[in-house]
């Protein structure tokens, strides 16, 4: 999903794994798409760690910047979504599109452990999200 969003955003976007993000990466960006799976009703530990490491160094420095989210979930996705929204409220970021939650329907142990496949339709939604955010930033809409 992150790769599809990045592809949609084009050359001006950077794709950085959560465990490689540092505050300067977020400070240099004009907007953000936070992408993660939901595990046990929460965002992944890697994503939480990124927020933990970057939150205070960026507090008061990135207000008003646009953001979007994409969550891959076994059934719901709202728990991870709510966590991200609560955290970025402190940064005063501005949501510019509805959350994209892709429900992969993994409820049984075998399905949970199996490799997941995101449909072409949902990958197109991801590409559209990336393109929309990039275009909005380029045009000064956000």
Protein backbone atom coordinates (compact mmCIF):
# COMPACT_ATOMS: atom_id res chain seq x y z
CA UNK A 1 0.00 0.00 0.00
CA UNK A 2 2.81 2.40 0.86
CA UNK A 3 4.54 1.65 -2.43
CA UNK A 4 1.32 2.35 -4.36
CA UNK A 5 0.84 5.66 -2.53
CA UNK A 6 4.44 6.56 -3.27
CA UNK A 7 4.03 5.65 -6.94
CA UNK A 8 0.92 7.82 -7.17
CA UNK A 9 2.71 10.77 -5.57
CA UNK A 10 5.53 10.67 -8.09
CA UNK A 11 9.03 12.06 -8.00
CA UNK A 12 8.51 14.62 -5.27
CA UNK A 13 7.61 12.05 -2.60
CA UNK A 14 9.86 10.02 -0.36
CA UNK A 15 9.03 6.54 0.88
CA UNK A 16 10.64 5.91 4.25
CA UNK A 17 10.06 2.89 6.49
CA UNK A 18 8.90 3.93 9.96
CA UNK A 19 12.02 2.51 11.59
CA UNK A 20 14.21 4.80 9.45
CA UNK A 21 12.30 8.06 9.95
CA UNK A 22 14.03 10.80 11.93
CA UNK A 23 12.56 14.18 12.90
CA UNK A 24 14.45 15.96 10.10
CA UNK A 25 12.67 13.77 7.52
CA UNK A 26 9.29 14.94 8.76
CA UNK A 27 10.45 18.53 9.15
CA UNK A 28 11.58 18.56 5.50
CA UNK A 29 8.26 17.23 4.18
CA UNK A 30 5.34 19.39 3.13
CA UNK A 31 2.79 16.69 4.00
CA UNK A 32 2.51 13.12 5.16
CA UNK A 33 0.80 9.82 4.50
CA UNK A 34 1.10 7.50 7.48
CA UNK A 35 0.72 3.88 6.37
CA UNK A 36 0.71 0.84 8.65
CA UNK A 37 -1.02 -2.41 9.41
CA UNK A 38 -3.27 -2.72 12.40
CA UNK A 39 -2.15 -5.45 14.79
CA UNK A 40 -4.35 -6.43 17.73
CA UNK A 41 -6.42 -3.27 17.31
CA UNK A 42 -3.41 -0.94 17.35
CA UNK A 43 -0.87 0.57 15.02
CA UNK A 44 2.32 -1.43 14.77
CA UNK A 45 5.05 -0.98 17.34
CA UNK A 46 7.38 0.29 14.62
CA UNK A 47 4.96 3.11 13.77
CA UNK A 48 4.43 3.92 17.46
CA UNK A 49 8.21 4.05 17.95
CA UNK A 50 8.50 6.51 15.04
CA UNK A 51 5.95 8.79 16.68
CA UNK A 52 7.67 8.39 20.06
CA UNK A 53 11.04 9.40 18.57
CA UNK A 54 9.72 12.31 16.49
CA UNK A 55 6.87 13.77 18.54
CA UNK A 56 8.65 16.16 20.90
CA UNK A 57 11.39 17.32 18.52
CA UNK A 58 8.64 18.41 16.06
CA UNK A 59 6.16 19.84 18.54
CA UNK A 60 5.39 23.41 17.51
CA UNK A 61 7.25 23.10 14.20
CA UNK A 62 4.90 21.42 11.69
CA UNK A 63 1.44 22.82 12.47
CA UNK A 64 -1.09 22.90 9.66
CA UNK A 65 0.69 20.48 7.38
CA UNK A 66 -1.59 18.06 5.52
CA UNK A 67 -1.75 14.38 6.31
CA UNK A 68 -3.56 11.25 5.27
CA UNK A 69 -3.58 7.68 6.54
CA UNK A 70 -3.79 4.22 5.05
CA UNK A 71 -4.32 1.22 7.32
CA UNK A 72 -4.23 -2.47 6.38
CA UNK A 73 -6.46 -4.38 8.78
CA UNK A 74 -7.65 -7.90 9.34
CA UNK A 75 -11.14 -6.74 10.14
CA UNK A 76 -11.46 -3.18 11.43
CA UNK A 77 -8.59 -0.67 11.32
CA UNK A 78 -10.29 1.97 13.42
CA UNK A 79 -8.05 1.37 16.45
CA UNK A 80 -4.84 2.18 14.58
CA UNK A 81 -6.59 5.04 12.81
CA UNK A 82 -7.72 6.57 16.09
CA UNK A 83 -4.23 6.28 17.59
CA UNK A 84 -2.62 8.10 14.69
CA UNK A 85 -5.29 10.81 14.71
CA UNK A 86 -4.81 11.39 18.44
CA UNK A 87 -1.04 11.67 18.11
CA UNK A 88 -1.04 14.07 15.16
CA UNK A 89 -3.64 16.26 16.89
CA UNK A 90 -0.75 17.36 19.13
CA UNK A 91 1.22 18.33 16.04
CA UNK A 92 -1.85 20.20 14.76
CA UNK A 93 -1.70 18.42 11.40
CA UNK A 94 -4.65 18.80 9.04
CA UNK A 95 -6.38 15.72 7.61
CA UNK A 96 -6.98 16.29 3.89
CA UNK A 97 -8.72 13.07 2.90
CA UNK A 98 -10.80 10.37 4.50
CA UNK A 99 -8.83 7.51 6.07
CA UNK A 100 -8.18 4.61 3.73
CA UNK A 101 -8.74 1.38 5.64
CA UNK A 102 -8.21 -1.81 3.65
CA UNK A 103 -9.92 -4.74 5.32
CA UNK A 104 -8.10 -7.93 4.38
CA UNK A 105 -10.58 -10.20 6.18
CA UNK A 106 -8.01 -12.16 8.17
CA UNK A 107 -9.84 -13.57 11.20
CA UNK A 108 -8.67 -17.15 11.57
CA UNK A 109 -5.11 -18.09 12.61
CA UNK A 110 -4.19 -19.43 9.17
CA UNK A 111 -5.45 -16.27 7.44
CA UNK A 112 -3.76 -14.02 9.98
CA UNK A 113 -0.40 -15.74 9.43
CA UNK A 114 -0.75 -15.97 5.65
CA UNK A 115 0.77 -13.46 3.25
CA UNK A 116 -1.80 -10.78 2.42
CA UNK A 117 -2.74 -9.57 -1.03
CA UNK A 118 -4.24 -6.13 -1.57
CA UNK A 119 -6.68 -5.97 -4.49
CA UNK A 120 -5.88 -3.92 -7.56
CA UNK A 121 -8.89 -1.74 -6.75
CA UNK A 122 -7.49 -0.88 -3.31
CA UNK A 123 -4.00 -0.36 -4.71
CA UNK A 124 -5.52 2.10 -7.18
CA UNK A 125 -7.18 3.88 -4.23
CA UNK A 126 -3.70 4.11 -2.68
CA UNK A 127 -2.21 5.53 -5.87
CA UNK A 128 -5.04 8.05 -6.08
CA UNK A 129 -4.41 9.11 -2.50
CA UNK A 130 -0.73 9.70 -3.23
CA UNK A 131 -1.49 11.57 -6.44
CA UNK A 132 -4.11 13.74 -4.74
CA UNK A 133 -1.85 14.72 -1.87
CA UNK A 134 1.06 15.47 -4.20
CA UNK A 135 -1.12 17.55 -6.52
CA UNK A 136 -2.68 19.45 -3.62
CA UNK A 137 0.77 20.30 -2.29
CA UNK A 138 2.06 21.30 -5.75
CA UNK A 139 -0.92 23.60 -6.33
CA UNK A 140 -0.72 25.13 -2.86
CA UNK A 141 -4.18 23.84 -1.93
CA UNK A 142 -2.83 22.27 1.24
